[in-house]
Amino acid sequence: MYMNNTFKNINFKVEGKGSIPIVLLHGFMENLKIWNNIIDDSNKHKYKFILIDFPGHGKSDFILNYDTVFSMEKGAEIVKIILEKENIEKAVFLGHSMGGYIALAIAEKYPEIFLGLCLLHSTAKSDSDNKKKIRLQSIKLAISNYSFFVKKSVNKLFSYKKIPFLQKEISFVKKIAFSTSRSSVISFLKGISIRKDRRFLLKKTNFPKMYIIGLYDLILNAKEIREEAKSGNKTCFFEVHTGHMGHIENPKKIKKILENFIDHIIFN
């Protein structure tokens, strides 16, 4: 853990002894355990994984005030401080959903530290007006009935075709989501809703970028994300037959795509 002026304790850990640093940034109402199936003994000798719990998620301190807005820029500064503490000058970043928004905030301010970026079920777009209204409704629901809000939110993350076969995975994600404090959830929802549109970074940055797109994603439209990816410089995309949680629904596939991406960065 590390301490700063805003949050007393930010939980993070380093796994593996490889020479290639991989920063894993979890999504909304997740924590670093979400990456359990991406990290195993088969890749710890190649990579050094840096896993972080954002405030109010996992073992990091809660955000206590409902009025707090946790911006993606705040998340970026937390990551940068941890990388400096670990003497990591460059890394490959993998951000799931909200983690992708934070990774893009880092890329805008510190592009020189990127070996590459993978946006896993994420987007560089800002929220539309309609999406902002939905976020506001989510905040109201989280305040009035947190249990229902969590269950409803998690169910939408998975491929509707596979839900009967994913009960163990869904229970795992719900358990993590319920461990996230309500005040932190509200603070992050506010920050996500006002995040900056960073599609300009897709063309401006020179490091390799990759989108992983879920064809059955109910959160992000696969067609729109495909077009977004096509607009970028040094940007590729892969489509997987999952919902918004490819790293939970099909971790072997996601792991293989990620390893191929990293190998392309290192050996080209």
C-alpha atoms as a PDB file:
ATOM      1  CA  MET A   1       0.000   0.000   0.000  1.00  0.00           C
ATOM      2  CA  TYR A   2       0.968   3.627  -0.372  1.00  0.00           C
ATOM      3  CA  MET A   3      -0.361   6.769   1.315  1.00  0.00           C
ATOM      4  CA  ASN A   4      -1.018  10.245  -0.042  1.00  0.00           C
ATOM      5  CA  ASN A   5      -2.794  13.396   1.084  1.00  0.00           C
ATOM      6  CA  THR A   6      -6.185  12.434  -0.335  1.00  0.00           C
ATOM      7  CA  PHE A   7      -6.434   8.714   0.433  1.00  0.00           C
ATOM      8  CA  LYS A   8      -4.655   7.160   3.383  1.00  0.00           C
ATOM      9  CA  ASN A   9      -4.209   3.761   1.779  1.00  0.00           C
ATOM     10  CA  ILE A  10      -4.191   2.669  -1.868  1.00  0.00           C
ATOM     11  CA  ASN A  11      -3.790  -1.067  -2.256  1.00  0.00           C
ATOM     12  CA  PHE A  12      -1.639  -2.439  -5.045  1.00  0.00           C
ATOM     13  CA  LYS A  13       0.572  -5.429  -5.640  1.00  0.00           C
ATOM     14  CA  VAL A  14       3.239  -6.588  -8.063  1.00  0.00           C
ATOM     15  CA  GLU A  15       3.084 -10.111  -9.487  1.00  0.00           C
ATOM     16  CA  GLY A  16       5.739 -11.801 -11.590  1.00  0.00           C
ATOM     17  CA  LYS A  17       9.441 -11.244 -12.175  1.00  0.00           C
ATOM     18  CA  GLY A  18       9.520 -10.632 -15.902  1.00  0.00           C
ATOM     19  CA  SER A  19      11.142  -7.662 -17.571  1.00  0.00           C
ATOM     20  CA  ILE A  20       7.977  -6.291 -19.232  1.00  0.00           C
ATOM     21  CA  PRO A  21       5.737  -4.250 -16.892  1.00  0.00           C
ATOM     22  CA  ILE A  22       1.984  -4.669 -17.475  1.00  0.00           C
ATOM     23  CA  VAL A  23      -0.329  -2.276 -15.610  1.00  0.00           C
ATOM     24  CA  LEU A  24      -3.799  -3.764 -15.083  1.00  0.00           C
ATOM     25  CA  LEU A  25      -6.556  -1.218 -14.381  1.00  0.00           C
ATOM     26  CA  HIS A  26      -9.875  -2.664 -13.263  1.00  0.00           C
ATOM     27  CA  GLY A  27     -13.318  -1.401 -14.159  1.00  0.00           C
ATOM     28  CA  PHE A  28     -16.162   0.160 -12.179  1.00  0.00           C
ATOM     29  CA  MET A  29     -17.172  -1.821  -9.041  1.00  0.00           C
ATOM     30  CA  GLU A  30     -14.301  -4.251  -9.605  1.00  0.00           C
ATOM     31  CA  ASN A  31     -10.931  -4.739  -7.916  1.00  0.00           C
ATOM     32  CA  LEU A  32      -7.586  -6.330  -8.678  1.00  0.00           C
ATOM     33  CA  LYS A  33      -8.988  -9.847  -8.111  1.00  0.00           C
ATOM     34  CA  ILE A  34     -10.801  -9.463 -11.427  1.00  0.00           C
ATOM     35  CA  TRP A  35      -7.473 -10.269 -13.148  1.00  0.00           C
ATOM     36  CA  ASN A  36      -6.941 -13.633 -11.396  1.00  0.00           C
ATOM     37  CA  ASN A  37      -7.455 -15.657 -14.574  1.00  0.00           C
ATOM     38  CA  ILE A  38      -5.252 -13.388 -16.709  1.00  0.00           C
ATOM     39  CA  ILE A  39      -2.259 -13.800 -14.409  1.00  0.00           C
ATOM     40  CA  ASP A  40      -0.859 -17.266 -13.795  1.00  0.00           C
ATOM     41  CA  ASP A  41       2.462 -19.054 -13.479  1.00  0.00           C
ATOM     42  CA  SER A  42       2.737 -19.428 -17.261  1.00  0.00           C
ATOM     43  CA  ASN A  43       3.279 -15.697 -17.788  1.00  0.00           C
ATOM     44  CA  LYS A  44       4.819 -14.478 -14.519  1.00  0.00           C
ATOM     45  CA  HIS A  45       8.302 -15.254 -15.832  1.00  0.00           C
ATOM     46  CA  LYS A  46       7.709 -12.983 -18.861  1.00  0.00           C
ATOM     47  CA  TYR A  47       5.854 -10.070 -17.298  1.00  0.00           C
ATOM     48  CA  LYS A  48       5.757  -7.946 -14.192  1.00  0.00           C
ATOM     49  CA  PHE A  49       2.100  -7.215 -13.426  1.00  0.00           C
ATOM     50  CA  ILE A  50       1.138  -4.112 -11.466  1.00  0.00           C
ATOM     51  CA  LEU A  51      -2.385  -4.445 -10.064  1.00  0.00           C
ATOM     52  CA  ILE A  52      -4.179  -1.564  -8.348  1.00  0.00           C
ATOM     53  CA  ASP A  53      -7.344  -1.179  -6.290  1.00  0.00           C
ATOM     54  CA  PHE A  54      -8.836   2.239  -6.960  1.00  0.00           C
ATOM     55  CA  PRO A  55     -10.299   4.100  -3.938  1.00  0.00           C
ATOM     56  CA  GLY A  56     -13.315   2.361  -2.448  1.00  0.00           C
ATOM     57  CA  HIS A  57     -12.579  -0.782  -4.443  1.00  0.00           C
ATOM     58  CA  GLY A  58     -10.928  -3.884  -3.019  1.00  0.00           C
ATOM     59  CA  LYS A  59      -8.658  -3.063  -0.083  1.00  0.00           C
ATOM     60  CA  SER A  60      -8.140   0.632  -0.848  1.00  0.00           C
ATOM     61  CA  ASP A  61      -9.663   3.279   1.409  1.00  0.00           C
ATOM     62  CA  PHE A  62     -13.273   4.251   0.801  1.00  0.00           C
ATOM     63  CA  ILE A  63     -14.459   7.603  -0.473  1.00  0.00           C
ATOM     64  CA  LEU A  64     -16.631   8.715   2.432  1.00  0.00           C
ATOM     65  CA  ASN A  65     -18.433  11.713   0.966  1.00  0.00           C
ATOM     66  CA  TYR A  66     -21.288  11.327  -1.540  1.00  0.00           C
ATOM     67  CA  ASP A  67     -20.464  14.782  -2.918  1.00  0.00           C
ATOM     68  CA  THR A  68     -16.941  13.777  -3.969  1.00  0.00           C
ATOM     69  CA  VAL A  69     -16.323  13.499  -7.710  1.00  0.00           C
ATOM     70  CA  PHE A  70     -13.597  10.991  -8.498  1.00  0.00           C
ATOM     71  CA  SER A  71     -12.277  12.086 -11.875  1.00  0.00           C
ATOM     72  CA  MET A  72     -10.359   9.906 -14.284  1.00  0.00           C
ATOM     73  CA  GLU A  73      -7.471  12.344 -13.813  1.00  0.00           C
ATOM     74  CA  LYS A  74      -7.350  11.506 -10.098  1.00  0.00           C
ATOM     75  CA  GLY A  75      -7.075   7.850 -11.036  1.00  0.00           C
ATOM     76  CA  ALA A  76      -4.271   8.705 -13.450  1.00  0.00           C
ATOM     77  CA  GLU A  77      -2.264  10.436 -10.735  1.00  0.00           C
ATOM     78  CA  ILE A  78      -2.639   7.456  -8.393  1.00  0.00           C
ATOM     79  CA  VAL A  79      -1.268   5.128 -11.080  1.00  0.00           C
ATOM     80  CA  LYS A  80       1.624   7.476 -11.879  1.00  0.00           C
ATOM     81  CA  ILE A  81       2.651   7.706  -8.222  1.00  0.00           C
ATOM     82  CA  ILE A  82       2.644   3.908  -7.884  1.00  0.00           C
ATOM     83  CA  LEU A  83       4.759   3.474 -11.020  1.00  0.00           C
ATOM     84  CA  GLU A  84       7.274   6.005  -9.706  1.00  0.00           C
ATOM     85  CA  LYS A  85       7.376   4.193  -6.367  1.00  0.00           C
ATOM     86  CA  GLU A  86       8.130   0.932  -8.200  1.00  0.00           C
ATOM     87  CA  ASN A  87      10.728   2.616 -10.478  1.00  0.00           C
ATOM     88  CA  ILE A  88       8.793   1.692 -13.617  1.00  0.00           C
ATOM     89  CA  GLU A  89       9.539   4.092 -16.462  1.00  0.00           C
ATOM     90  CA  LYS A  90       7.554   2.419 -19.255  1.00  0.00           C
ATOM     91  CA  ALA A  91       4.763  -0.153 -19.318  1.00  0.00           C
ATOM     92  CA  VAL A  92       1.978  -1.732 -21.317  1.00  0.00           C
ATOM     93  CA  PHE A  93      -1.401  -0.630 -19.959  1.00  0.00           C
ATOM     94  CA  LEU A  94      -4.533  -2.776 -19.963  1.00  0.00           C
ATOM     95  CA  GLY A  95      -7.710  -1.021 -18.868  1.00  0.00           C
ATOM     96  CA  HIS A  96     -11.107  -2.647 -18.564  1.00  0.00           C
ATOM     97  CA  SER A  97     -14.036  -0.267 -19.164  1.00  0.00           C
ATOM     98  CA  MET A  98     -13.474   2.492 -16.565  1.00  0.00           C
ATOM     99  CA  GLY A  99      -9.865   1.336 -16.299  1.00  0.00           C
ATOM    100  CA  GLY A 100      -9.547   2.234 -19.979  1.00  0.00           C
ATOM    101  CA  TYR A 101     -10.850   5.746 -19.275  1.00  0.00           C
ATOM    102  CA  ILE A 102      -8.184   6.154 -16.600  1.00  0.00           C
ATOM    103  CA  ALA A 103      -5.492   4.724 -18.888  1.00  0.00           C
ATOM    104  CA  LEU A 104      -6.410   7.334 -21.513  1.00  0.00           C
ATOM    105  CA  ALA A 105      -6.179  10.087 -18.892  1.00  0.00           C
ATOM    106  CA  ILE A 106      -2.658   8.841 -18.135  1.00  0.00           C
ATOM    107  CA  ALA A 107      -1.828   8.737 -21.853  1.00  0.00           C
ATOM    108  CA  GLU A 108      -2.829  12.353 -22.346  1.00  0.00           C
ATOM    109  CA  LYS A 109      -0.524  13.616 -19.610  1.00  0.00           C
ATOM    110  CA  TYR A 110       2.268  11.020 -19.726  1.00  0.00           C
ATOM    111  CA  PRO A 111       2.386   9.445 -23.211  1.00  0.00           C
ATOM    112  CA  GLU A 112       6.107   8.790 -22.858  1.00  0.00           C
ATOM    113  CA  ILE A 113       5.520   6.011 -20.298  1.00  0.00           C
ATOM    114  CA  PHE A 114       3.428   3.874 -22.684  1.00  0.00           C
ATOM    115  CA  LEU A 115       4.828   0.850 -24.484  1.00  0.00           C
ATOM    116  CA  GLY A 116       1.284   0.113 -25.585  1.00  0.00           C
ATOM    117  CA  LEU A 117      -2.364   0.363 -24.565  1.00  0.00           C
ATOM    118  CA  CYS A 118      -5.131  -2.225 -24.617  1.00  0.00           C
ATOM    119  CA  LEU A 119      -8.699  -0.977 -24.182  1.00  0.00           C
ATOM    120  CA  LEU A 120     -10.707  -3.978 -23.006  1.00  0.00           C
ATOM    121  CA  HIS A 121     -14.419  -3.283 -23.539  1.00  0.00           C
ATOM    122  CA  SER A 122     -13.716   0.420 -23.271  1.00  0.00           C
ATOM    123  CA  THR A 123     -13.910   3.601 -25.339  1.00  0.00           C
ATOM    124  CA  ALA A 124     -12.134   6.920 -25.794  1.00  0.00           C
ATOM    125  CA  LYS A 125     -15.486   8.707 -26.207  1.00  0.00           C
ATOM    126  CA  SER A 126     -17.067  10.820 -23.512  1.00  0.00           C
ATOM    127  CA  ASP A 127     -20.596  10.159 -22.301  1.00  0.00           C
ATOM    128  CA  SER A 128     -23.421  11.354 -24.532  1.00  0.00           C
ATOM    129  CA  ASP A 129     -26.173  13.487 -22.977  1.00  0.00           C
ATOM    130  CA  ASN A 130     -28.404  10.431 -22.826  1.00  0.00           C
ATOM    131  CA  LYS A 131     -25.672   8.368 -21.170  1.00  0.00           C
ATOM    132  CA  LYS A 132     -25.198  11.110 -18.573  1.00  0.00           C
ATOM    133  CA  LYS A 133     -28.912  10.925 -17.769  1.00  0.00           C
ATOM    134  CA  ILE A 134     -28.579   7.169 -17.287  1.00  0.00           C
ATOM    135  CA  ARG A 135     -25.623   7.735 -14.931  1.00  0.00           C
ATOM    136  CA  LEU A 136     -27.763  10.156 -12.903  1.00  0.00           C
ATOM    137  CA  GLN A 137     -30.530   7.555 -12.691  1.00  0.00           C
ATOM    138  CA  SER A 138     -27.940   5.005 -11.573  1.00  0.00           C
ATOM    139  CA  ILE A 139     -26.778   7.321  -8.798  1.00  0.00           C
ATOM    140  CA  LYS A 140     -30.355   7.740  -7.565  1.00  0.00           C
ATOM    141  CA  LEU A 141     -30.889   3.965  -7.650  1.00  0.00           C
ATOM    142  CA  ALA A 142     -27.604   3.311  -5.824  1.00  0.00           C
ATOM    143  CA  ILE A 143     -28.710   5.684  -3.060  1.00  0.00           C
ATOM    144  CA  SER A 144     -32.237   4.294  -2.743  1.00  0.00           C
ATOM    145  CA  ASN A 145     -31.632   0.552  -3.259  1.00  0.00           C
ATOM    146  CA  TYR A 146     -27.969  -0.387  -3.446  1.00  0.00           C
ATOM    147  CA  SER A 147     -28.523  -4.140  -3.514  1.00  0.00           C
ATOM    148  CA  PHE A 148     -30.874  -3.931  -6.498  1.00  0.00           C
ATOM    149  CA  PHE A 149     -28.509  -1.497  -8.243  1.00  0.00           C
ATOM    150  CA  VAL A 150     -25.565  -3.908  -7.946  1.00  0.00           C
ATOM    151  CA  LYS A 151     -27.518  -6.956  -9.110  1.00  0.00           C
ATOM    152  CA  LYS A 152     -29.002  -5.081 -12.062  1.00  0.00           C
ATOM    153  CA  SER A 153     -25.622  -3.620 -13.059  1.00  0.00           C
ATOM    154  CA  VAL A 154     -23.716  -6.910 -12.899  1.00  0.00           C
ATOM    155  CA  ASN A 155     -26.314  -8.882 -14.860  1.00  0.00           C
ATOM    156  CA  LYS A 156     -25.930  -6.471 -17.784  1.00  0.00           C
ATOM    157  CA  LEU A 157     -22.187  -7.135 -17.975  1.00  0.00           C
ATOM    158  CA  PHE A 158     -22.455 -10.658 -19.347  1.00  0.00           C
ATOM    159  CA  SER A 159     -23.481 -12.136 -22.668  1.00  0.00           C
ATOM    160  CA  TYR A 160     -27.219 -12.777 -22.383  1.00  0.00           C
ATOM    161  CA  LYS A 161     -26.785 -15.976 -24.414  1.00  0.00           C
ATOM    162  CA  LYS A 162     -24.423 -17.448 -21.833  1.00  0.00           C
ATOM    163  CA  ILE A 163     -25.960 -16.302 -18.545  1.00  0.00           C
ATOM    164  CA  PRO A 164     -27.304 -19.795 -17.616  1.00  0.00           C
ATOM    165  CA  PHE A 165     -23.758 -21.170 -17.995  1.00  0.00           C
ATOM    166  CA  LEU A 166     -21.975 -18.344 -16.178  1.00  0.00           C
ATOM    167  CA  GLN A 167     -23.589 -18.417 -12.746  1.00  0.00           C
ATOM    168  CA  LYS A 168     -20.287 -19.025 -10.948  1.00  0.00           C
ATOM    169  CA  GLU A 169     -18.623 -16.136 -12.797  1.00  0.00           C
ATOM    170  CA  ILE A 170     -21.581 -13.819 -12.214  1.00  0.00           C
ATOM    171  CA  SER A 171     -21.579 -14.628  -8.483  1.00  0.00           C
ATOM    172  CA  PHE A 172     -17.846 -13.857  -8.355  1.00  0.00           C
ATOM    173  CA  VAL A 173     -18.330 -10.435  -9.971  1.00  0.00           C
ATOM    174  CA  LYS A 174     -21.353  -9.646  -7.764  1.00  0.00           C
ATOM    175  CA  LYS A 175     -19.350 -10.437  -4.650  1.00  0.00           C
ATOM    176  CA  ILE A 176     -16.655  -8.011  -5.741  1.00  0.00           C
ATOM    177  CA  ALA A 177     -19.237  -5.360  -6.653  1.00  0.00           C
ATOM    178  CA  PHE A 178     -20.991  -5.650  -3.272  1.00  0.00           C
ATOM    179  CA  SER A 179     -17.632  -5.101  -1.538  1.00  0.00           C
ATOM    180  CA  THR A 180     -17.399  -1.657  -3.151  1.00  0.00           C
ATOM    181  CA  SER A 181     -18.673   1.118  -0.908  1.00  0.00           C
ATOM    182  CA  ARG A 182     -21.827   2.936  -1.991  1.00  0.00           C
ATOM    183  CA  SER A 183     -20.236   6.377  -1.553  1.00  0.00           C
ATOM    184  CA  SER A 184     -17.308   5.326  -3.739  1.00  0.00           C
ATOM    185  CA  VAL A 185     -19.669   3.995  -6.426  1.00  0.00           C
ATOM    186  CA  ILE A 186     -21.492   7.335  -6.506  1.00  0.00           C
ATOM    187  CA  SER A 187     -18.231   9.297  -6.621  1.00  0.00           C
ATOM    188  CA  PHE A 188     -16.950   7.234  -9.544  1.00  0.00           C
ATOM    189  CA  LEU A 189     -20.249   7.435 -11.433  1.00  0.00           C
ATOM    190  CA  LYS A 190     -20.012  11.221 -11.236  1.00  0.00           C
ATOM    191  CA  GLY A 191     -16.423  11.179 -12.473  1.00  0.00           C
ATOM    192  CA  ILE A 192     -17.161   8.802 -15.321  1.00  0.00           C
ATOM    193  CA  SER A 193     -20.086  10.918 -16.509  1.00  0.00           C
ATOM    194  CA  ILE A 194     -17.959  14.050 -16.897  1.00  0.00           C
ATOM    195  CA  ARG A 195     -14.881  12.411 -18.355  1.00  0.00           C
ATOM    196  CA  LYS A 196     -13.160  14.057 -21.299  1.00  0.00           C
ATOM    197  CA  ASP A 197     -13.493  12.844 -24.874  1.00  0.00           C
ATOM    198  CA  ARG A 198     -10.032  11.518 -25.693  1.00  0.00           C
ATOM    199  CA  ARG A 199     -10.510  10.145 -29.189  1.00  0.00           C
ATOM    200  CA  PHE A 200      -7.911  12.652 -30.377  1.00  0.00           C
ATOM    201  CA  LEU A 201      -5.291  10.554 -28.575  1.00  0.00           C
ATOM    202  CA  LEU A 202      -5.925   7.668 -30.951  1.00  0.00           C
ATOM    203  CA  LYS A 203      -4.340   9.693 -33.757  1.00  0.00           C
ATOM    204  CA  LYS A 204      -1.948  11.820 -31.712  1.00  0.00           C
ATOM    205  CA  THR A 205      -0.092   9.049 -29.871  1.00  0.00           C
ATOM    206  CA  ASN A 206       2.488   6.844 -31.573  1.00  0.00           C
ATOM    207  CA  PHE A 207       2.486   3.835 -29.273  1.00  0.00           C
ATOM    208  CA  PRO A 208       0.524   0.706 -30.354  1.00  0.00           C
ATOM    209  CA  LYS A 209      -3.111   0.561 -29.276  1.00  0.00           C
ATOM    210  CA  MET A 210      -5.555  -2.339 -29.286  1.00  0.00           C
ATOM    211  CA  TYR A 211      -9.284  -2.603 -28.660  1.00  0.00           C
ATOM    212  CA  ILE A 212     -10.910  -5.830 -27.528  1.00  0.00           C
ATOM    213  CA  ILE A 213     -14.586  -5.642 -28.455  1.00  0.00           C
ATOM    214  CA  GLY A 214     -17.366  -7.839 -27.073  1.00  0.00           C
ATOM    215  CA  LEU A 215     -19.856  -8.728 -29.796  1.00  0.00           C
ATOM    216  CA  TYR A 216     -22.569  -9.243 -27.160  1.00  0.00           C
ATOM    217  CA  ASP A 217     -21.630  -6.214 -25.056  1.00  0.00           C
ATOM    218  CA  LEU A 218     -24.752  -4.500 -23.670  1.00  0.00           C
ATOM    219  CA  ILE A 219     -22.749  -1.536 -22.330  1.00  0.00           C
ATOM    220  CA  LEU A 220     -20.830  -0.515 -25.457  1.00  0.00           C
ATOM    221  CA  ASN A 221     -22.032  -0.849 -29.034  1.00  0.00           C
ATOM    222  CA  ALA A 222     -19.639  -3.175 -30.884  1.00  0.00           C
ATOM    223  CA  LYS A 223     -20.151  -1.445 -34.240  1.00  0.00           C
ATOM    224  CA  GLU A 224     -19.394   1.995 -32.804  1.00  0.00           C
ATOM    225  CA  ILE A 225     -16.282   0.778 -30.998  1.00  0.00           C
ATOM    226  CA  ARG A 226     -15.078  -0.936 -34.182  1.00  0.00           C
ATOM    227  CA  GLU A 227     -15.335   2.353 -36.085  1.00  0.00           C
ATOM    228  CA  GLU A 228     -13.590   4.185 -33.272  1.00  0.00           C
ATOM    229  CA  ALA A 229     -10.699   1.725 -33.383  1.00  0.00           C
ATOM    230  CA  LYS A 230     -10.399   2.074 -37.159  1.00  0.00           C
ATOM    231  CA  SER A 231      -9.839   5.831 -36.781  1.00  0.00           C
ATOM    232  CA  GLY A 232      -6.669   5.466 -34.735  1.00  0.00           C
ATOM    233  CA  ASN A 233      -2.975   5.542 -35.557  1.00  0.00           C
ATOM    234  CA  LYS A 234      -1.235   2.207 -34.877  1.00  0.00           C
ATOM    235  CA  THR A 235      -4.572   0.906 -33.616  1.00  0.00           C
ATOM    236  CA  CYS A 236      -5.996  -2.578 -34.105  1.00  0.00           C
ATOM    237  CA  PHE A 237      -9.003  -4.402 -32.743  1.00  0.00           C
ATOM    238  CA  PHE A 238     -10.133  -7.928 -31.955  1.00  0.00           C
ATOM    239  CA  GLU A 239     -13.718  -9.062 -31.566  1.00  0.00           C
ATOM    240  CA  VAL A 240     -14.659 -11.744 -29.048  1.00  0.00           C
ATOM    241  CA  HIS A 241     -17.938 -13.580 -28.543  1.00  0.00           C
ATOM    242  CA  THR A 242     -18.539 -12.226 -25.045  1.00  0.00           C
ATOM    243  CA  GLY A 243     -20.362  -9.469 -23.251  1.00  0.00           C
ATOM    244  CA  HIS A 244     -18.632  -6.678 -21.313  1.00  0.00           C
ATOM    245  CA  MET A 245     -16.549  -9.092 -19.213  1.00  0.00           C
ATOM    246  CA  GLY A 246     -14.374 -10.957 -21.684  1.00  0.00           C
ATOM    247  CA  HIS A 247     -11.639 -11.500 -19.094  1.00  0.00           C
ATOM    248  CA  ILE A 248     -14.194 -13.362 -16.960  1.00  0.00           C
ATOM    249  CA  GLU A 249     -16.260 -15.069 -19.692  1.00  0.00           C
ATOM    250  CA  ASN A 250     -13.307 -16.239 -21.773  1.00  0.00           C
ATOM    251  CA  PRO A 251     -10.032 -15.460 -19.975  1.00  0.00           C
ATOM    252  CA  LYS A 252      -7.966 -17.856 -22.122  1.00  0.00           C
ATOM    253  CA  LYS A 253      -8.945 -15.958 -25.271  1.00  0.00           C
ATOM    254  CA  ILE A 254      -8.266 -12.550 -23.722  1.00  0.00           C
ATOM    255  CA  LYS A 255      -4.946 -13.729 -22.329  1.00  0.00           C
ATOM    256  CA  LYS A 256      -3.855 -15.027 -25.737  1.00  0.00           C
ATOM    257  CA  ILE A 257      -4.838 -11.799 -27.521  1.00  0.00           C
ATOM    258  CA  LEU A 258      -3.004  -9.742 -24.918  1.00  0.00           C
ATOM    259  CA  GLU A 259       0.167 -11.854 -25.098  1.00  0.00           C
ATOM    260  CA  ASN A 260       0.240 -11.611 -28.896  1.00  0.00           C
ATOM    261  CA  PHE A 261      -0.180  -7.835 -28.645  1.00  0.00           C
ATOM    262  CA  ILE A 262       2.697  -7.544 -26.183  1.00  0.00           C
ATOM    263  CA  ASP A 263       4.939  -9.797 -28.282  1.00  0.00           C
ATOM    264  CA  HIS A 264       4.201  -7.586 -31.307  1.00  0.00           C
ATOM    265  CA  ILE A 265       5.244  -4.514 -29.302  1.00  0.00           C
ATOM    266  CA  ILE A 266       8.458  -6.046 -27.980  1.00  0.00           C
ATOM    267  CA  PHE A 267       9.674  -7.819 -31.113  1.00  0.00           C
ATOM    268  CA  ASN A 268       8.728  -5.250 -33.787  1.00  0.00           C
END
